[in-house]
Every structure is written in C-alpha cells, then in structure tokens.
Amino acid sequence: MAQKKLPTIVVQVTGGVVSCVNSSIPVRLLVLDADTDGGDRDRIMEVNGSNAYVHDYMLTGPALVSGGLISDGIEADFVADVAGQVDAAR
C-alpha cells in the first residue's frame, strides 16, 4: 500500500528558541512554550489552565531566501528534502 503524503511542517529551534518555520502547504501553527520568563507579555496567555508563551505562525505565502537563510513560509522543496532525509535515516 502506498503511503499517503501528509502535510509537513519543519520547525527549526536554535538555543531553545524557534528560529524558522516552513511548511509544505498553507497552515496555521500554534506553538505553546511553557517557558514564559522574559517573554513579551502580549504573547503570554492562559491555555488549558496554564500560562504559555504563544507563537502563532500563519504560513500562507512563499518563504524568502536571503543569504542562504530561509524565512518563515511555504517552502515545499525544502520541507520535502528535510522529510526525505529523516525518512532515509529511519
């Protein structure tokens, strides 16, 4: 049976901080971070009874590439390449 391709999101984290988010299709991604110390007070809210620093990503357009770095956005080829590498390593 052929495996169905799933929408995929790649979240890059550097030093414990989300540095870039890319997806294969338009998506909304909510990241709830329990570490609220030093966070922007406007982005700290109660979710499921606990405070969380909320990162709300709306990936609806293409990612921009500048100086070899990819910005947040839809970058289907990059996401497919990352997923292929992860799948091959299993």
PDB file of N, CA and C in Angstrom:
ATOM      1  N   MET A   1       0.858  -1.191   0.000  1.00  0.00           N
ATOM      2  CA  MET A   1       0.000   0.000   0.000  1.00  0.00           C
ATOM      3  C   MET A   1       0.893   1.239   0.000  1.00  0.00           C
ATOM      4  N   ALA A   2       0.630   2.166  -0.892  1.00  0.00           N
ATOM      5  CA  ALA A   2       1.420   3.398  -0.975  1.00  0.00           C
ATOM      6  C   ALA A   2       1.111   4.299   0.214  1.00  0.00           C
ATOM      7  N   GLN A   3       2.169   4.921   0.730  1.00  0.00           N
ATOM      8  CA  GLN A   3       1.993   5.828   1.867  1.00  0.00           C
ATOM      9  C   GLN A   3       1.477   7.164   1.359  1.00  0.00           C
ATOM     10  N   LYS A   4       0.419   7.665   1.986  1.00  0.00           N
ATOM     11  CA  LYS A   4      -0.163   8.944   1.625  1.00  0.00           C
ATOM     12  C   LYS A   4       0.771  10.064   2.083  1.00  0.00           C
ATOM     13  N   LYS A   5       1.024  11.040   1.200  1.00  0.00           N
ATOM     14  CA  LYS A   5       1.844  12.189   1.601  1.00  0.00           C
ATOM     15  C   LYS A   5       1.026  13.071   2.546  1.00  0.00           C
ATOM     16  N   LEU A   6       1.626  13.390   3.664  1.00  0.00           N
ATOM     17  CA  LEU A   6       0.971  14.236   4.657  1.00  0.00           C
ATOM     18  C   LEU A   6       1.504  15.654   4.571  1.00  0.00           C
ATOM     19  N   PRO A   7       0.671  16.631   4.864  1.00  0.00           N
ATOM     20  CA  PRO A   7       1.214  17.986   5.012  1.00  0.00           C
ATOM     21  C   PRO A   7       2.305  17.948   6.072  1.00  0.00           C
ATOM     22  N   THR A   8       3.392  18.645   5.845  1.00  0.00           N
ATOM     23  CA  THR A   8       4.528  18.575   6.755  1.00  0.00           C
ATOM     24  C   THR A   8       4.977  19.970   7.146  1.00  0.00           C
ATOM     25  N   ILE A   9       5.359  20.115   8.416  1.00  0.00           N
ATOM     26  CA  ILE A   9       5.874  21.370   8.949  1.00  0.00           C
ATOM     27  C   ILE A   9       7.255  21.092   9.526  1.00  0.00           C
ATOM     28  N   VAL A  10       8.233  21.932   9.196  1.00  0.00           N
ATOM     29  CA  VAL A  10       9.575  21.833   9.758  1.00  0.00           C
ATOM     30  C   VAL A  10       9.771  23.036  10.679  1.00  0.00           C
ATOM     31  N   VAL A  11      10.037  22.761  11.961  1.00  0.00           N
ATOM     32  CA  VAL A  11      10.285  23.816  12.942  1.00  0.00           C
ATOM     33  C   VAL A  11      11.756  23.735  13.322  1.00  0.00           C
ATOM     34  N   GLN A  12      12.493  24.810  13.063  1.00  0.00           N
ATOM     35  CA  GLN A  12      13.908  24.853  13.428  1.00  0.00           C
ATOM     36  C   GLN A  12      14.047  25.613  14.748  1.00  0.00           C
ATOM     37  N   VAL A  13      14.761  25.003  15.698  1.00  0.00           N
ATOM     38  CA  VAL A  13      14.958  25.579  17.020  1.00  0.00           C
ATOM     39  C   VAL A  13      16.445  25.797  17.235  1.00  0.00           C
ATOM     40  N   THR A  14      16.811  26.999  17.654  1.00  0.00           N
ATOM     41  CA  THR A  14      18.201  27.338  17.938  1.00  0.00           C
ATOM     42  C   THR A  14      18.270  27.911  19.344  1.00  0.00           C
ATOM     43  N   GLY A  15      19.065  27.287  20.194  1.00  0.00           N
ATOM     44  CA  GLY A  15      19.194  27.773  21.567  1.00  0.00           C
ATOM     45  C   GLY A  15      17.882  27.776  22.318  1.00  0.00           C
ATOM     46  N   GLY A  16      17.012  26.821  22.035  1.00  0.00           N
ATOM     47  CA  GLY A  16      15.731  26.731  22.722  1.00  0.00           C
ATOM     48  C   GLY A  16      14.670  27.685  22.200  1.00  0.00           C
ATOM     49  N   VAL A  17      14.964  28.397  21.110  1.00  0.00           N
ATOM     50  CA  VAL A  17      14.034  29.371  20.539  1.00  0.00           C
ATOM     51  C   VAL A  17      13.706  28.958  19.108  1.00  0.00           C
ATOM     52  N   VAL A  18      12.429  29.022  18.742  1.00  0.00           N
ATOM     53  CA  VAL A  18      12.034  28.738  17.362  1.00  0.00           C
ATOM     54  C   VAL A  18      12.657  29.809  16.479  1.00  0.00           C
ATOM     55  N   SER A  19      13.471  29.361  15.515  1.00  0.00           N
ATOM     56  CA  SER A  19      14.149  30.320  14.649  1.00  0.00           C
ATOM     57  C   SER A  19      13.551  30.382  13.251  1.00  0.00           C
ATOM     58  N   CYS A  20      12.865  29.322  12.814  1.00  0.00           N
ATOM     59  CA  CYS A  20      12.277  29.324  11.480  1.00  0.00           C
ATOM     60  C   CYS A  20      11.237  28.220  11.382  1.00  0.00           C
ATOM     61  N   VAL A  21      10.149  28.505  10.671  1.00  0.00           N
ATOM     62  CA  VAL A  21       9.086  27.531  10.458  1.00  0.00           C
ATOM     63  C   VAL A  21       8.757  27.515   8.971  1.00  0.00           C
ATOM     64  N   ASN A  22       8.770  26.308   8.390  1.00  0.00           N
ATOM     65  CA  ASN A  22       8.413  26.152   6.979  1.00  0.00           C
ATOM     66  C   ASN A  22       7.419  25.012   6.853  1.00  0.00           C
ATOM     67  N   SER A  23       6.582  25.091   5.837  1.00  0.00           N
ATOM     68  CA  SER A  23       5.588  24.044   5.618  1.00  0.00           C
ATOM     69  C   SER A  23       5.520  23.687   4.143  1.00  0.00           C
ATOM     70  N   SER A  24       4.859  22.560   3.883  1.00  0.00           N
ATOM     71  CA  SER A  24       4.700  22.111   2.508  1.00  0.00           C
ATOM     72  C   SER A  24       3.458  22.718   1.859  1.00  0.00           C
ATOM     73  N   ILE A  25       2.514  23.166   2.688  1.00  0.00           N
ATOM     74  CA  ILE A  25       1.267  23.778   2.211  1.00  0.00           C
ATOM     75  C   ILE A  25       0.881  24.887   3.196  1.00  0.00           C
ATOM     76  N   PRO A  26      -0.094  25.732   2.852  1.00  0.00           N
ATOM     77  CA  PRO A  26      -0.536  26.751   3.806  1.00  0.00           C
ATOM     78  C   PRO A  26      -1.073  26.105   5.088  1.00  0.00           C
ATOM     79  N   VAL A  27      -0.609  26.608   6.233  1.00  0.00           N
ATOM     80  CA  VAL A  27      -1.045  26.080   7.532  1.00  0.00           C
ATOM     81  C   VAL A  27      -0.999  27.182   8.577  1.00  0.00           C
ATOM     82  N   ARG A  28      -1.674  26.920   9.668  1.00  0.00           N
ATOM     83  CA  ARG A  28      -1.511  27.723  10.880  1.00  0.00           C
ATOM     84  C   ARG A  28      -0.861  26.808  11.902  1.00  0.00           C
ATOM     85  N   LEU A  29       0.174  27.288  12.553  1.00  0.00           N
ATOM     86  CA  LEU A  29       0.895  26.507  13.553  1.00  0.00           C
ATOM     87  C   LEU A  29       0.922  27.299  14.853  1.00  0.00           C
ATOM     88  N   LEU A  30       0.444  26.683  15.922  1.00  0.00           N
ATOM     89  CA  LEU A  30       0.486  27.289  17.249  1.00  0.00           C
ATOM     90  C   LEU A  30       1.508  26.527  18.075  1.00  0.00           C
ATOM     91  N   VAL A  31       2.493  27.239  18.608  1.00  0.00           N
ATOM     92  CA  VAL A  31       3.492  26.649  19.486  1.00  0.00           C
ATOM     93  C   VAL A  31       3.249  27.220  20.876  1.00  0.00           C
ATOM     94  N   LEU A  32       3.052  26.331  21.846  1.00  0.00           N
ATOM     95  CA  LEU A  32       2.836  26.742  23.226  1.00  0.00           C
ATOM     96  C   LEU A  32       4.115  26.469  23.999  1.00  0.00           C
ATOM     97  N   ASP A  33       4.764  27.524  24.467  1.00  0.00           N
ATOM     98  CA  ASP A  33       6.029  27.424  25.180  1.00  0.00           C
ATOM     99  C   ASP A  33       5.771  27.680  26.659  1.00  0.00           C
ATOM    100  N   ALA A  34       6.057  26.685  27.493  1.00  0.00           N
ATOM    101  CA  ALA A  34       5.832  26.821  28.932  1.00  0.00           C
ATOM    102  C   ALA A  34       6.824  27.767  29.590  1.00  0.00           C
ATOM    103  N   ASP A  35       7.931  28.064  28.922  1.00  0.00           N
ATOM    104  CA  ASP A  35       8.933  28.991  29.454  1.00  0.00           C
ATOM    105  C   ASP A  35       8.499  30.413  29.120  1.00  0.00           C
ATOM    106  N   THR A  36       7.877  31.077  30.073  1.00  0.00           N
ATOM    107  CA  THR A  36       7.349  32.426  29.840  1.00  0.00           C
ATOM    108  C   THR A  36       8.259  33.524  30.364  1.00  0.00           C
ATOM    109  N   ASP A  37       9.380  33.160  30.983  1.00  0.00           N
ATOM    110  CA  ASP A  37      10.305  34.154  31.544  1.00  0.00           C
ATOM    111  C   ASP A  37      10.873  35.049  30.454  1.00  0.00           C
ATOM    112  N   GLY A  38      10.755  36.347  30.644  1.00  0.00           N
ATOM    113  CA  GLY A  38      11.325  37.312  29.713  1.00  0.00           C
ATOM    114  C   GLY A  38      10.565  37.460  28.417  1.00  0.00           C
ATOM    115  N   GLY A  39       9.434  36.813  28.301  1.00  0.00           N
ATOM    116  CA  GLY A  39       8.652  36.875  27.074  1.00  0.00           C
ATOM    117  C   GLY A  39       7.822  38.144  26.981  1.00  0.00           C
ATOM    118  N   ASP A  40       7.458  38.496  25.776  1.00  0.00           N
ATOM    119  CA  ASP A  40       6.585  39.631  25.504  1.00  0.00           C
ATOM    120  C   ASP A  40       5.241  39.355  26.179  1.00  0.00           C
ATOM    121  N   ARG A  41       4.867  40.184  27.126  1.00  0.00           N
ATOM    122  CA  ARG A  41       3.641  39.972  27.918  1.00  0.00           C
ATOM    123  C   ARG A  41       2.392  39.829  27.045  1.00  0.00           C
ATOM    124  N   ASP A  42       2.380  40.471  25.888  1.00  0.00           N
ATOM    125  CA  ASP A  42       1.217  40.385  24.996  1.00  0.00           C
ATOM    126  C   ASP A  42       1.047  38.989  24.410  1.00  0.00           C
ATOM    127  N   ARG A  43       2.105  38.171  24.453  1.00  0.00           N
ATOM    128  CA  ARG A  43       2.033  36.835  23.868  1.00  0.00           C
ATOM    129  C   ARG A  43       1.940  35.734  24.920  1.00  0.00           C
ATOM    130  N   ILE A  44       1.835  36.124  26.192  1.00  0.00           N
ATOM    131  CA  ILE A  44       1.652  35.142  27.256  1.00  0.00           C
ATOM    132  C   ILE A  44       0.169  35.096  27.590  1.00  0.00           C
ATOM    133  N   MET A  45      -0.398  33.890  27.495  1.00  0.00           N
ATOM    134  CA  MET A  45      -1.826  33.739  27.772  1.00  0.00           C
ATOM    135  C   MET A  45      -2.089  32.384  28.411  1.00  0.00           C
ATOM    136  N   GLU A  46      -3.239  32.274  29.023  1.00  0.00           N
ATOM    137  CA  GLU A  46      -3.610  31.003  29.632  1.00  0.00           C
ATOM    138  C   GLU A  46      -4.214  30.089  28.572  1.00  0.00           C
ATOM    139  N   VAL A  47      -3.638  28.898  28.450  1.00  0.00           N
ATOM    140  CA  VAL A  47      -4.139  27.888  27.530  1.00  0.00           C
ATOM    141  C   VAL A  47      -4.192  26.572  28.299  1.00  0.00           C
ATOM    142  N   ASN A  48      -5.334  25.921  28.301  1.00  0.00           N
ATOM    143  CA  ASN A  48      -5.532  24.659  29.029  1.00  0.00           C
ATOM    144  C   ASN A  48      -5.164  24.774  30.503  1.00  0.00           C
ATOM    145  N   GLY A  49      -5.434  25.922  31.102  1.00  0.00           N
ATOM    146  CA  GLY A  49      -5.235  26.108  32.526  1.00  0.00           C
ATOM    147  C   GLY A  49      -3.833  26.497  32.961  1.00  0.00           C
ATOM    148  N   SER A  50      -2.913  26.674  31.992  1.00  0.00           N
ATOM    149  CA  SER A  50      -1.538  27.062  32.327  1.00  0.00           C
ATOM    150  C   SER A  50      -1.110  28.228  31.450  1.00  0.00           C
ATOM    151  N   ASN A  51      -0.205  29.054  31.980  1.00  0.00           N
ATOM    152  CA  ASN A  51       0.336  30.135  31.169  1.00  0.00           C
ATOM    153  C   ASN A  51       1.278  29.575  30.122  1.00  0.00           C
ATOM    154  N   ALA A  52       1.221  30.147  28.929  1.00  0.00           N
ATOM    155  CA  ALA A  52       2.093  29.731  27.836  1.00  0.00           C
ATOM    156  C   ALA A  52       2.461  30.960  27.015  1.00  0.00           C
ATOM    157  N   TYR A  53       3.675  30.946  26.521  1.00  0.00           N
ATOM    158  CA  TYR A  53       4.123  31.949  25.554  1.00  0.00           C
ATOM    159  C   TYR A  53       3.681  31.406  24.209  1.00  0.00           C
ATOM    160  N   VAL A  54       2.810  32.124  23.517  1.00  0.00           N
ATOM    161  CA  VAL A  54       2.192  31.618  22.297  1.00  0.00           C
ATOM    162  C   VAL A  54       2.875  32.188  21.062  1.00  0.00           C
ATOM    163  N   HIS A  55       3.344  31.278  20.225  1.00  0.00           N
ATOM    164  CA  HIS A  55       3.882  31.625  18.908  1.00  0.00           C
ATOM    165  C   HIS A  55       2.800  31.225  17.904  1.00  0.00           C
ATOM    166  N   ASP A  56       2.294  32.162  17.152  1.00  0.00           N
ATOM    167  CA  ASP A  56       1.197  31.914  16.211  1.00  0.00           C
ATOM    168  C   ASP A  56       1.712  32.185  14.798  1.00  0.00           C
ATOM    169  N   TYR A  57       1.957  31.127  14.060  1.00  0.00           N
ATOM    170  CA  TYR A  57       2.500  31.247  12.706  1.00  0.00           C
ATOM    171  C   TYR A  57       1.400  30.995  11.686  1.00  0.00           C
ATOM    172  N   MET A  58       1.237  31.928  10.764  1.00  0.00           N
ATOM    173  CA  MET A  58       0.320  31.769   9.638  1.00  0.00           C
ATOM    174  C   MET A  58       1.199  31.646   8.397  1.00  0.00           C
ATOM    175  N   LEU A  59       1.376  30.433   7.908  1.00  0.00           N
ATOM    176  CA  LEU A  59       2.222  30.204   6.746  1.00  0.00           C
ATOM    177  C   LEU A  59       1.314  30.124   5.518  1.00  0.00           C
ATOM    178  N   THR A  60       1.190  31.243   4.824  1.00  0.00           N
ATOM    179  CA  THR A  60       0.273  31.313   3.690  1.00  0.00           C
ATOM    180  C   THR A  60       0.959  31.706   2.386  1.00  0.00           C
ATOM    181  N   GLY A  61       2.221  32.123   2.477  1.00  0.00           N
ATOM    182  CA  GLY A  61       2.939  32.541   1.280  1.00  0.00           C
ATOM    183  C   GLY A  61       4.316  31.924   1.234  1.00  0.00           C
ATOM    184  N   PRO A  62       5.005  32.123   0.137  1.00  0.00           N
ATOM    185  CA  PRO A  62       6.320  31.508  -0.009  1.00  0.00           C
ATOM    186  C   PRO A  62       7.331  32.070   0.981  1.00  0.00           C
ATOM    187  N   ALA A  63       8.253  31.204   1.393  1.00  0.00           N
ATOM    188  CA  ALA A  63       9.362  31.637   2.229  1.00  0.00           C
ATOM    189  C   ALA A  63      10.306  32.464   1.373  1.00  0.00           C
ATOM    190  N   LEU A  64      11.016  33.368   1.998  1.00  0.00           N
ATOM    191  CA  LEU A  64      12.013  34.169   1.304  1.00  0.00           C
ATOM    192  C   LEU A  64      13.391  33.619   1.638  1.00  0.00           C
ATOM    193  N   VAL A  65      14.257  33.580   0.650  1.00  0.00           N
ATOM    194  CA  VAL A  65      15.622  33.106   0.863  1.00  0.00           C
ATOM    195  C   VAL A  65      16.547  34.302   0.713  1.00  0.00           C
ATOM    196  N   SER A  66      17.363  34.544   1.749  1.00  0.00           N
ATOM    197  CA  SER A  66      18.296  35.669   1.721  1.00  0.00           C
ATOM    198  C   SER A  66      19.584  35.242   2.411  1.00  0.00           C
ATOM    199  N   GLY A  67      20.678  35.334   1.707  1.00  0.00           N
ATOM    200  CA  GLY A  67      21.969  34.981   2.288  1.00  0.00           C
ATOM    201  C   GLY A  67      22.041  33.535   2.743  1.00  0.00           C
ATOM    202  N   GLY A  68      21.325  32.655   2.057  1.00  0.00           N
ATOM    203  CA  GLY A  68      21.323  31.243   2.419  1.00  0.00           C
ATOM    204  C   GLY A  68      20.369  30.892   3.543  1.00  0.00           C
ATOM    205  N   LEU A  69      19.706  31.889   4.130  1.00  0.00           N
ATOM    206  CA  LEU A  69      18.746  31.651   5.203  1.00  0.00           C
ATOM    207  C   LEU A  69      17.333  31.693   4.638  1.00  0.00           C
ATOM    208  N   ILE A  70      16.490  30.813   5.142  1.00  0.00           N
ATOM    209  CA  ILE A  70      15.101  30.747   4.691  1.00  0.00           C
ATOM    210  C   ILE A  70      14.218  31.354   5.771  1.00  0.00           C
ATOM    211  N   SER A  71      13.299  32.237   5.365  1.00  0.00           N
ATOM    212  CA  SER A  71      12.370  32.842   6.330  1.00  0.00           C
ATOM    213  C   SER A  71      11.179  31.910   6.544  1.00  0.00           C
ATOM    214  N   ASP A  72      10.321  32.255   7.524  1.00  0.00           N
ATOM    215  CA  ASP A  72       9.084  31.520   7.728  1.00  0.00           C
ATOM    216  C   ASP A  72       8.256  31.576   6.454  1.00  0.00           C
ATOM    217  N   GLY A  73       7.598  30.482   6.124  1.00  0.00           N
ATOM    218  CA  GLY A  73       6.705  30.469   4.972  1.00  0.00           C
ATOM    219  C   GLY A  73       6.638  29.101   4.328  1.00  0.00           C
ATOM    220  N   ILE A  74       5.975  29.038   3.197  1.00  0.00           N
ATOM    221  CA  ILE A  74       5.822  27.790   2.461  1.00  0.00           C
ATOM    222  C   ILE A  74       7.064  27.583   1.608  1.00  0.00           C
ATOM    223  N   GLU A  75       7.706  26.471   1.818  1.00  0.00           N
ATOM    224  CA  GLU A  75       8.917  26.110   1.066  1.00  0.00           C
ATOM    225  C   GLU A  75       8.871  24.602   0.872  1.00  0.00           C
ATOM    226  N   ALA A  76       8.005  24.178  -0.066  1.00  0.00           N
ATOM    227  CA  ALA A  76       7.712  22.759  -0.261  1.00  0.00           C
ATOM    228  C   ALA A  76       8.960  21.940  -0.586  1.00  0.00           C
ATOM    229  N   ASP A  77       9.862  22.456  -1.416  1.00  0.00           N
ATOM    230  CA  ASP A  77      11.056  21.694  -1.781  1.00  0.00           C
ATOM    231  C   ASP A  77      11.960  21.474  -0.571  1.00  0.00           C
ATOM    232  N   PHE A  78      12.168  22.517   0.230  1.00  0.00           N
ATOM    233  CA  PHE A  78      12.988  22.409   1.445  1.00  0.00           C
ATOM    234  C   PHE A  78      12.385  21.392   2.408  1.00  0.00           C
ATOM    235  N   VAL A  79      11.073  21.493   2.628  1.00  0.00           N
ATOM    236  CA  VAL A  79      10.386  20.592   3.553  1.00  0.00           C
ATOM    237  C   VAL A  79      10.478  19.149   3.053  1.00  0.00           C
ATOM    238  N   ALA A  80      10.283  18.938   1.750  1.00  0.00           N
ATOM    239  CA  ALA A  80      10.387  17.581   1.183  1.00  0.00           C
ATOM    240  C   ALA A  80      11.796  17.033   1.343  1.00  0.00           C
ATOM    241  N   ASP A  81      12.816  17.886   1.162  1.00  0.00           N
ATOM    242  CA  ASP A  81      14.191  17.458   1.310  1.00  0.00           C
ATOM    243  C   ASP A  81      14.466  17.036   2.756  1.00  0.00           C
ATOM    244  N   VAL A  82      14.038  17.839   3.718  1.00  0.00           N
ATOM    245  CA  VAL A  82      14.225  17.503   5.132  1.00  0.00           C
ATOM    246  C   VAL A  82      13.493  16.217   5.475  1.00  0.00           C
ATOM    247  N   ALA A  83      12.234  16.091   5.045  1.00  0.00           N
ATOM    248  CA  ALA A  83      11.463  14.883   5.329  1.00  0.00           C
ATOM    249  C   ALA A  83      12.116  13.654   4.698  1.00  0.00           C
ATOM    250  N   GLY A  84      12.643  13.800   3.490  1.00  0.00           N
ATOM    251  CA  GLY A  84      13.319  12.689   2.832  1.00  0.00           C
ATOM    252  C   GLY A  84      14.553  12.246   3.597  1.00  0.00           C
ATOM    253  N   GLN A  85      15.307  13.212   4.111  1.00  0.00           N
ATOM    254  CA  GLN A  85      16.495  12.871   4.901  1.00  0.00           C
ATOM    255  C   GLN A  85      16.122  12.146   6.193  1.00  0.00           C
ATOM    256  N   VAL A  86      15.067  12.619   6.848  1.00  0.00           N
ATOM    257  CA  VAL A  86      14.606  11.974   8.088  1.00  0.00           C
ATOM    258  C   VAL A  86      14.102  10.568   7.784  1.00  0.00           C
ATOM    259  N   ASP A  87      13.318  10.424   6.727  1.00  0.00           N
ATOM    260  CA  ASP A  87      12.787   9.103   6.358  1.00  0.00           C
ATOM    261  C   ASP A  87      13.912   8.137   6.008  1.00  0.00           C
ATOM    262  N   ALA A  88      14.918   8.606   5.300  1.00  0.00           N
ATOM    263  CA  ALA A  88      16.024   7.746   4.893  1.00  0.00           C
ATOM    264  C   ALA A  88      16.866   7.296   6.088  1.00  0.00           C
ATOM    265  N   ALA A  89      16.890   8.101   7.134  1.00  0.00           N
ATOM    266  CA  ALA A  89      17.699   7.777   8.313  1.00  0.00           C
ATOM    267  C   ALA A  89      17.011   6.761   9.228  1.00  0.00           C
ATOM    268  N   ARG A  90      15.745   6.491   8.989  1.00  0.00           N
ATOM    269  CA  ARG A  90      14.993   5.549   9.853  1.00  0.00           C
ATOM    270  C   ARG A  90      15.266   4.131   9.471  1.00  0.00           C
TER     271      ARG A  90
END
